[in-house]
Amino acid sequence: MNNVIDFIDVRLFYTKTGSAKYISHLDVMRAFQRALKRSKIDFWYTEGFHPHLYLTFALPLSLGYESVAESVDFRLISPMPYEEIVRRINAVLPVGFKAIAAGKPKMDAKQIRFADYEISFAAEEKDVEETLAVWYRCFDREVVPVVKKTKSGEKEIDIKPHIKLSKLEHKEGRYCLKARLASGVELNINPDLVFAAFKNFAGFAPEDIKVKRMAVYNEKMEKFR
């Protein structure tokens, strides 16, 4: 007799906005585990002494960031329409999270290479023209060094080849830009490193930084799906 249970892989796309941006990745995992258990969906659980929901998040989001491009993978033991999965999960997710689509995974998370962000910040004590000029001098350099923490410790890297920044604009008291950064398992440059490089160069730190992840791509610039 075959005791192996077949399962169905599902990828859920969701947003994380508002006050949810202050929830750490570990707590996001816990929130989804609790929510999914309440959704009355036939999920597949790991085997062994401590069975638990199989959840895999493609690209964990930094604390304090919003996103409209998050995803989590799980498994079902019986088929269910994707629209129904989204409906049931939305009914039990905490405030600040919203499921937007579900489907069969088509890419491996290891294929992720880039992420797009919308970023804004303030610098109230600084002259606008001076701040814009310093920003451009910082990122127009041939090398933009910054210290990055790795598993083996801290090391200085040049982020210039791994970032693409739009024109910095000043609107309604805030500085705004879009950024495409190298992201993924092999190399992950998040907006914190961009601002660390700027702070080191300018001698002052931007204030009230707001970051929203807009999309995630593979090497061919196809959206993660």
C-alpha atoms as a PDB file:
ATOM      1  CA  MET A   1       0.000   0.000   0.000  1.00  0.00           C
ATOM      2  CA  ASN A   2       1.333   3.430  -0.943  1.00  0.00           C
ATOM      3  CA  ASN A   3       1.232   5.811   2.048  1.00  0.00           C
ATOM      4  CA  VAL A   4       2.737   8.756   0.163  1.00  0.00           C
ATOM      5  CA  ILE A   5       0.331  11.703  -0.023  1.00  0.00           C
ATOM      6  CA  ASP A   6       0.453  13.721  -3.219  1.00  0.00           C
ATOM      7  CA  PHE A   7       0.398  17.483  -2.800  1.00  0.00           C
ATOM      8  CA  ILE A   8      -0.352  20.526  -4.934  1.00  0.00           C
ATOM      9  CA  ASP A   9       2.081  23.463  -4.907  1.00  0.00           C
ATOM     10  CA  VAL A  10       0.496  26.914  -4.717  1.00  0.00           C
ATOM     11  CA  ARG A  11       2.075  30.377  -4.777  1.00  0.00           C
ATOM     12  CA  LEU A  12       0.103  33.177  -3.106  1.00  0.00           C
ATOM     13  CA  PHE A  13       0.877  36.809  -3.926  1.00  0.00           C
ATOM     14  CA  TYR A  14       0.025  39.400  -1.316  1.00  0.00           C
ATOM     15  CA  THR A  15       0.609  42.980  -0.200  1.00  0.00           C
ATOM     16  CA  LYS A  16       2.041  44.207   3.088  1.00  0.00           C
ATOM     17  CA  THR A  17       1.172  47.834   3.785  1.00  0.00           C
ATOM     18  CA  GLY A  18       0.309  50.297   6.517  1.00  0.00           C
ATOM     19  CA  SER A  19       1.073  49.253  10.084  1.00  0.00           C
ATOM     20  CA  ALA A  20       1.977  45.744   8.862  1.00  0.00           C
ATOM     21  CA  LYS A  21       5.342  47.111   7.706  1.00  0.00           C
ATOM     22  CA  TYR A  22       6.453  47.063  11.344  1.00  0.00           C
ATOM     23  CA  ILE A  23       5.911  43.293  11.615  1.00  0.00           C
ATOM     24  CA  SER A  24       9.189  41.363  11.403  1.00  0.00           C
ATOM     25  CA  HIS A  25       9.624  38.512   8.933  1.00  0.00           C
ATOM     26  CA  LEU A  26       9.515  35.940  11.750  1.00  0.00           C
ATOM     27  CA  ASP A  27       6.194  37.352  12.944  1.00  0.00           C
ATOM     28  CA  VAL A  28       4.913  37.444   9.352  1.00  0.00           C
ATOM     29  CA  MET A  29       5.570  33.699   9.174  1.00  0.00           C
ATOM     30  CA  ARG A  30       3.684  33.169  12.427  1.00  0.00           C
ATOM     31  CA  ALA A  31       0.803  35.379  11.282  1.00  0.00           C
ATOM     32  CA  PHE A  32       0.425  33.376   8.069  1.00  0.00           C
ATOM     33  CA  GLN A  33       0.594  30.071   9.922  1.00  0.00           C
ATOM     34  CA  ARG A  34      -2.229  31.145  12.224  1.00  0.00           C
ATOM     35  CA  ALA A  35      -4.287  32.645   9.401  1.00  0.00           C
ATOM     36  CA  LEU A  36      -3.931  29.662   7.091  1.00  0.00           C
ATOM     37  CA  LYS A  37      -4.993  27.261   9.834  1.00  0.00           C
ATOM     38  CA  ARG A  38      -8.185  29.298  10.295  1.00  0.00           C
ATOM     39  CA  SER A  39      -8.933  29.359   6.559  1.00  0.00           C
ATOM     40  CA  LYS A  40     -10.305  25.770   6.509  1.00  0.00           C
ATOM     41  CA  ILE A  41      -8.166  24.890   3.496  1.00  0.00           C
ATOM     42  CA  ASP A  42      -6.713  21.379   3.199  1.00  0.00           C
ATOM     43  CA  PHE A  43      -3.048  22.221   3.552  1.00  0.00           C
ATOM     44  CA  TRP A  44      -0.213  19.724   3.435  1.00  0.00           C
ATOM     45  CA  TYR A  45       1.782  19.464   6.669  1.00  0.00           C
ATOM     46  CA  THR A  46       5.330  18.229   7.117  1.00  0.00           C
ATOM     47  CA  GLU A  47       5.720  14.770   8.570  1.00  0.00           C
ATOM     48  CA  GLY A  48       7.573  13.710  11.707  1.00  0.00           C
ATOM     49  CA  PHE A  49       7.209  14.422  15.429  1.00  0.00           C
ATOM     50  CA  HIS A  50       6.284  18.110  14.948  1.00  0.00           C
ATOM     51  CA  PRO A  51       4.118  18.491  11.824  1.00  0.00           C
ATOM     52  CA  HIS A  52       3.809  22.076  10.614  1.00  0.00           C
ATOM     53  CA  LEU A  53       2.607  24.036   7.608  1.00  0.00           C
ATOM     54  CA  TYR A  54       5.053  24.085   4.719  1.00  0.00           C
ATOM     55  CA  LEU A  55       5.613  27.790   4.005  1.00  0.00           C
ATOM     56  CA  THR A  56       8.333  29.333   1.839  1.00  0.00           C
ATOM     57  CA  PHE A  57       8.691  33.106   1.373  1.00  0.00           C
ATOM     58  CA  ALA A  58      10.560  34.043  -1.796  1.00  0.00           C
ATOM     59  CA  LEU A  59      12.338  37.253  -0.767  1.00  0.00           C
ATOM     60  CA  PRO A  60      11.882  38.300   2.890  1.00  0.00           C
ATOM     61  CA  LEU A  61      11.060  41.985   3.253  1.00  0.00           C
ATOM     62  CA  SER A  62      13.094  44.255   5.522  1.00  0.00           C
ATOM     63  CA  LEU A  63      11.390  45.591   8.632  1.00  0.00           C
ATOM     64  CA  GLY A  64       9.749  48.952   7.995  1.00  0.00           C
ATOM     65  CA  TYR A  65       9.217  48.390   4.261  1.00  0.00           C
ATOM     66  CA  GLU A  66       5.864  48.145   2.499  1.00  0.00           C
ATOM     67  CA  SER A  67       5.321  45.925  -0.519  1.00  0.00           C
ATOM     68  CA  VAL A  68       2.795  45.118  -3.214  1.00  0.00           C
ATOM     69  CA  ALA A  69       4.872  42.210  -4.531  1.00  0.00           C
ATOM     70  CA  GLU A  70       5.207  39.602  -1.768  1.00  0.00           C
ATOM     71  CA  SER A  71       4.722  35.859  -2.186  1.00  0.00           C
ATOM     72  CA  VAL A  72       4.524  32.713  -0.103  1.00  0.00           C
ATOM     73  CA  ASP A  73       4.449  29.087  -1.269  1.00  0.00           C
ATOM     74  CA  PHE A  74       2.465  26.299   0.394  1.00  0.00           C
ATOM     75  CA  ARG A  75       1.002  22.917  -0.492  1.00  0.00           C
ATOM     76  CA  LEU A  76      -2.530  21.532  -0.639  1.00  0.00           C
ATOM     77  CA  ILE A  77      -3.647  17.922  -0.366  1.00  0.00           C
ATOM     78  CA  SER A  78      -6.810  18.525  -2.399  1.00  0.00           C
ATOM     79  CA  PRO A  79      -7.487  20.876  -5.327  1.00  0.00           C
ATOM     80  CA  MET A  80      -9.278  24.188  -4.832  1.00  0.00           C
ATOM     81  CA  PRO A  81      -9.940  27.079  -7.265  1.00  0.00           C
ATOM     82  CA  TYR A  82      -7.289  29.774  -6.906  1.00  0.00           C
ATOM     83  CA  GLU A  83      -9.953  32.457  -6.505  1.00  0.00           C
ATOM     84  CA  GLU A  84     -11.407  30.549  -3.546  1.00  0.00           C
ATOM     85  CA  ILE A  85      -7.963  30.242  -1.951  1.00  0.00           C
ATOM     86  CA  VAL A  86      -7.528  34.017  -2.190  1.00  0.00           C
ATOM     87  CA  ARG A  87     -11.019  34.650  -0.785  1.00  0.00           C
ATOM     88  CA  ARG A  88     -10.597  32.336   2.198  1.00  0.00           C
ATOM     89  CA  ILE A  89      -7.156  33.630   3.091  1.00  0.00           C
ATOM     90  CA  ASN A  90      -8.230  37.270   2.864  1.00  0.00           C
ATOM     91  CA  ALA A  91     -11.019  36.509   5.317  1.00  0.00           C
ATOM     92  CA  VAL A  92      -8.496  35.596   8.027  1.00  0.00           C
ATOM     93  CA  LEU A  93      -5.357  37.650   7.299  1.00  0.00           C
ATOM     94  CA  PRO A  94      -4.356  40.368   9.811  1.00  0.00           C
ATOM     95  CA  VAL A  95      -4.834  44.049   9.031  1.00  0.00           C
ATOM     96  CA  GLY A  96      -2.212  45.317   6.585  1.00  0.00           C
ATOM     97  CA  PHE A  97      -2.016  42.092   4.567  1.00  0.00           C
ATOM     98  CA  LYS A  98      -4.067  41.355   1.445  1.00  0.00           C
ATOM     99  CA  ALA A  99      -3.933  38.330  -0.850  1.00  0.00           C
ATOM    100  CA  ILE A 100      -4.152  39.473  -4.474  1.00  0.00           C
ATOM    101  CA  ALA A 101      -3.643  36.309  -6.557  1.00  0.00           C
ATOM    102  CA  ALA A 102      -2.730  32.639  -6.392  1.00  0.00           C
ATOM    103  CA  GLY A 103      -1.451  30.159  -8.922  1.00  0.00           C
ATOM    104  CA  LYS A 104       0.957  27.377  -9.706  1.00  0.00           C
ATOM    105  CA  PRO A 105       4.595  28.414  -9.072  1.00  0.00           C
ATOM    106  CA  LYS A 106       6.363  29.025 -12.374  1.00  0.00           C
ATOM    107  CA  MET A 107       9.764  30.221 -11.178  1.00  0.00           C
ATOM    108  CA  ASP A 108      12.195  29.138  -8.492  1.00  0.00           C
ATOM    109  CA  ALA A 109      12.967  31.777  -5.854  1.00  0.00           C
ATOM    110  CA  LYS A 110      16.652  31.210  -6.657  1.00  0.00           C
ATOM    111  CA  GLN A 111      16.002  32.863 -10.049  1.00  0.00           C
ATOM    112  CA  ILE A 112      15.239  36.247  -8.473  1.00  0.00           C
ATOM    113  CA  ARG A 113      17.825  38.842  -9.491  1.00  0.00           C
ATOM    114  CA  PHE A 114      16.217  42.307  -9.182  1.00  0.00           C
ATOM    115  CA  ALA A 115      13.582  44.236  -7.259  1.00  0.00           C
ATOM    116  CA  ASP A 116      11.962  47.600  -7.921  1.00  0.00           C
ATOM    117  CA  TYR A 117      11.274  50.069  -5.117  1.00  0.00           C
ATOM    118  CA  GLU A 118       9.533  53.398  -4.689  1.00  0.00           C
ATOM    119  CA  ILE A 119      11.416  55.450  -2.094  1.00  0.00           C
ATOM    120  CA  SER A 120      10.912  58.797  -0.422  1.00  0.00           C
ATOM    121  CA  PHE A 121      12.609  60.630   2.436  1.00  0.00           C
ATOM    122  CA  ALA A 122      12.886  63.999   4.133  1.00  0.00           C
ATOM    123  CA  ALA A 123      15.824  66.259   4.974  1.00  0.00           C
ATOM    124  CA  GLU A 124      14.105  69.239   6.544  1.00  0.00           C
ATOM    125  CA  GLU A 125      17.200  70.942   7.922  1.00  0.00           C
ATOM    126  CA  LYS A 126      19.020  70.885   4.589  1.00  0.00           C
ATOM    127  CA  ASP A 127      18.749  73.126   1.546  1.00  0.00           C
ATOM    128  CA  VAL A 128      16.905  71.387  -1.286  1.00  0.00           C
ATOM    129  CA  GLU A 129      19.374  72.245  -4.053  1.00  0.00           C
ATOM    130  CA  GLU A 130      22.307  71.295  -1.843  1.00  0.00           C
ATOM    131  CA  THR A 131      20.744  67.946  -0.951  1.00  0.00           C
ATOM    132  CA  LEU A 132      20.030  67.147  -4.597  1.00  0.00           C
ATOM    133  CA  ALA A 133      23.574  68.102  -5.588  1.00  0.00           C
ATOM    134  CA  VAL A 134      25.147  65.965  -2.855  1.00  0.00           C
ATOM    135  CA  TRP A 135      22.930  63.014  -3.812  1.00  0.00           C
ATOM    136  CA  TYR A 136      24.065  63.156  -7.442  1.00  0.00           C
ATOM    137  CA  ARG A 137      27.723  63.561  -6.498  1.00  0.00           C
ATOM    138  CA  CYS A 138      27.431  60.503  -4.276  1.00  0.00           C
ATOM    139  CA  PHE A 139      25.954  58.185  -6.887  1.00  0.00           C
ATOM    140  CA  ASP A 140      27.755  59.595  -9.918  1.00  0.00           C
ATOM    141  CA  ARG A 141      31.063  58.347  -8.509  1.00  0.00           C
ATOM    142  CA  GLU A 142      32.787  55.475 -10.299  1.00  0.00           C
ATOM    143  CA  VAL A 143      32.736  53.520  -7.045  1.00  0.00           C
ATOM    144  CA  VAL A 144      30.033  53.722  -4.353  1.00  0.00           C
ATOM    145  CA  PRO A 145      31.457  51.867  -1.341  1.00  0.00           C
ATOM    146  CA  VAL A 146      29.420  50.641   1.608  1.00  0.00           C
ATOM    147  CA  VAL A 147      29.916  48.082   4.375  1.00  0.00           C
ATOM    148  CA  LYS A 148      27.616  45.068   4.009  1.00  0.00           C
ATOM    149  CA  LYS A 149      27.026  42.393   6.620  1.00  0.00           C
ATOM    150  CA  THR A 150      27.509  38.854   5.353  1.00  0.00           C
ATOM    151  CA  LYS A 151      27.447  35.404   6.937  1.00  0.00           C
ATOM    152  CA  SER A 152      31.229  35.582   7.285  1.00  0.00           C
ATOM    153  CA  GLY A 153      31.221  39.088   8.788  1.00  0.00           C
ATOM    154  CA  GLU A 154      31.317  42.634   7.450  1.00  0.00           C
ATOM    155  CA  LYS A 155      33.014  43.615   4.211  1.00  0.00           C
ATOM    156  CA  GLU A 156      33.125  46.688   2.010  1.00  0.00           C
ATOM    157  CA  ILE A 157      31.514  46.326  -1.400  1.00  0.00           C
ATOM    158  CA  ASP A 158      30.904  48.607  -4.367  1.00  0.00           C
ATOM    159  CA  ILE A 159      27.152  48.862  -4.937  1.00  0.00           C
ATOM    160  CA  LYS A 160      27.439  51.039  -8.068  1.00  0.00           C
ATOM    161  CA  PRO A 161      27.157  48.107 -10.563  1.00  0.00           C
ATOM    162  CA  HIS A 162      24.153  46.698  -8.700  1.00  0.00           C
ATOM    163  CA  ILE A 163      21.854  49.730  -8.447  1.00  0.00           C
ATOM    164  CA  LYS A 164      19.867  51.787 -10.940  1.00  0.00           C
ATOM    165  CA  LEU A 165      18.364  54.968  -9.524  1.00  0.00           C
ATOM    166  CA  SER A 166      15.895  57.283 -11.203  1.00  0.00           C
ATOM    167  CA  LYS A 167      16.169  61.068 -11.031  1.00  0.00           C
ATOM    168  CA  LEU A 168      15.761  62.312  -7.463  1.00  0.00           C
ATOM    169  CA  GLU A 169      12.891  64.806  -7.271  1.00  0.00           C
ATOM    170  CA  HIS A 170      11.646  67.098  -4.512  1.00  0.00           C
ATOM    171  CA  LYS A 171       7.866  67.135  -4.142  1.00  0.00           C
ATOM    172  CA  GLU A 172       5.760  68.574  -1.322  1.00  0.00           C
ATOM    173  CA  GLY A 173       8.617  68.576   1.155  1.00  0.00           C
ATOM    174  CA  ARG A 174       9.898  65.088   0.348  1.00  0.00           C
ATOM    175  CA  TYR A 175      12.561  63.621  -1.931  1.00  0.00           C
ATOM    176  CA  CYS A 176      11.278  60.850  -4.201  1.00  0.00           C
ATOM    177  CA  LEU A 177      12.887  58.312  -6.508  1.00  0.00           C
ATOM    178  CA  LYS A 178      12.558  54.847  -7.955  1.00  0.00           C
ATOM    179  CA  ALA A 179      15.274  52.229  -7.601  1.00  0.00           C
ATOM    180  CA  ARG A 180      16.043  48.896  -9.249  1.00  0.00           C
ATOM    181  CA  LEU A 181      18.403  46.922  -7.025  1.00  0.00           C
ATOM    182  CA  ALA A 182      20.124  43.566  -7.270  1.00  0.00           C
ATOM    183  CA  SER A 183      18.129  41.148  -5.132  1.00  0.00           C
ATOM    184  CA  GLY A 184      18.050  37.454  -4.388  1.00  0.00           C
ATOM    185  CA  VAL A 185      20.027  34.628  -2.865  1.00  0.00           C
ATOM    186  CA  GLU A 186      23.337  35.389  -4.607  1.00  0.00           C
ATOM    187  CA  LEU A 187      23.383  39.144  -3.986  1.00  0.00           C
ATOM    188  CA  ASN A 188      20.889  41.295  -2.121  1.00  0.00           C
ATOM    189  CA  ILE A 189      21.217  45.082  -2.146  1.00  0.00           C
ATOM    190  CA  ASN A 190      18.352  46.629  -0.205  1.00  0.00           C
ATOM    191  CA  PRO A 191      17.567  50.359   0.065  1.00  0.00           C
ATOM    192  CA  ASP A 192      19.218  50.501   3.511  1.00  0.00           C
ATOM    193  CA  LEU A 193      22.602  50.055   1.814  1.00  0.00           C
ATOM    194  CA  VAL A 194      21.835  52.866  -0.629  1.00  0.00           C
ATOM    195  CA  PHE A 195      21.114  55.231   2.249  1.00  0.00           C
ATOM    196  CA  ALA A 196      24.144  54.013   4.194  1.00  0.00           C
ATOM    197  CA  ALA A 197      26.337  54.913   1.211  1.00  0.00           C
ATOM    198  CA  PHE A 198      24.707  58.341   0.990  1.00  0.00           C
ATOM    199  CA  LYS A 199      25.076  59.000   4.722  1.00  0.00           C
ATOM    200  CA  ASN A 200      28.764  58.089   4.619  1.00  0.00           C
ATOM    201  CA  PHE A 201      29.326  60.460   1.697  1.00  0.00           C
ATOM    202  CA  ALA A 202      27.065  63.359   2.708  1.00  0.00           C
ATOM    203  CA  GLY A 203      27.733  63.326   6.452  1.00  0.00           C
ATOM    204  CA  PHE A 204      24.034  63.379   7.323  1.00  0.00           C
ATOM    205  CA  ALA A 205      21.232  60.835   7.260  1.00  0.00           C
ATOM    206  CA  PRO A 206      17.893  61.230   5.444  1.00  0.00           C
ATOM    207  CA  GLU A 207      14.849  61.311   7.719  1.00  0.00           C
ATOM    208  CA  ASP A 208      11.484  59.527   7.656  1.00  0.00           C
ATOM    209  CA  ILE A 209      12.517  57.093   4.949  1.00  0.00           C
ATOM    210  CA  LYS A 210       9.606  55.301   3.265  1.00  0.00           C
ATOM    211  CA  VAL A 211      10.170  52.284   1.040  1.00  0.00           C
ATOM    212  CA  LYS A 212       7.698  50.224  -0.972  1.00  0.00           C
ATOM    213  CA  ARG A 213       8.698  47.177  -3.020  1.00  0.00           C
ATOM    214  CA  MET A 214       6.824  47.262  -6.321  1.00  0.00           C
ATOM    215  CA  ALA A 215       8.008  44.213  -8.277  1.00  0.00           C
ATOM    216  CA  VAL A 216      10.483  41.326  -8.309  1.00  0.00           C
ATOM    217  CA  TYR A 217      12.205  39.993 -11.444  1.00  0.00           C
ATOM    218  CA  ASN A 218      14.414  37.218 -12.763  1.00  0.00           C
ATOM    219  CA  GLU A 219      17.558  37.747 -14.840  1.00  0.00           C
ATOM    220  CA  LYS A 220      15.489  38.218 -18.015  1.00  0.00           C
ATOM    221  CA  MET A 221      13.474  40.972 -16.291  1.00  0.00           C
ATOM    222  CA  GLU A 222      10.392  38.772 -16.190  1.00  0.00           C
ATOM    223  CA  LYS A 223       8.216  39.350 -13.140  1.00  0.00           C
ATOM    224  CA  PHE A 224       8.496  36.619 -10.517  1.00  0.00           C
ATOM    225  CA  ARG A 225       5.505  34.305 -10.786  1.00  0.00           C
END
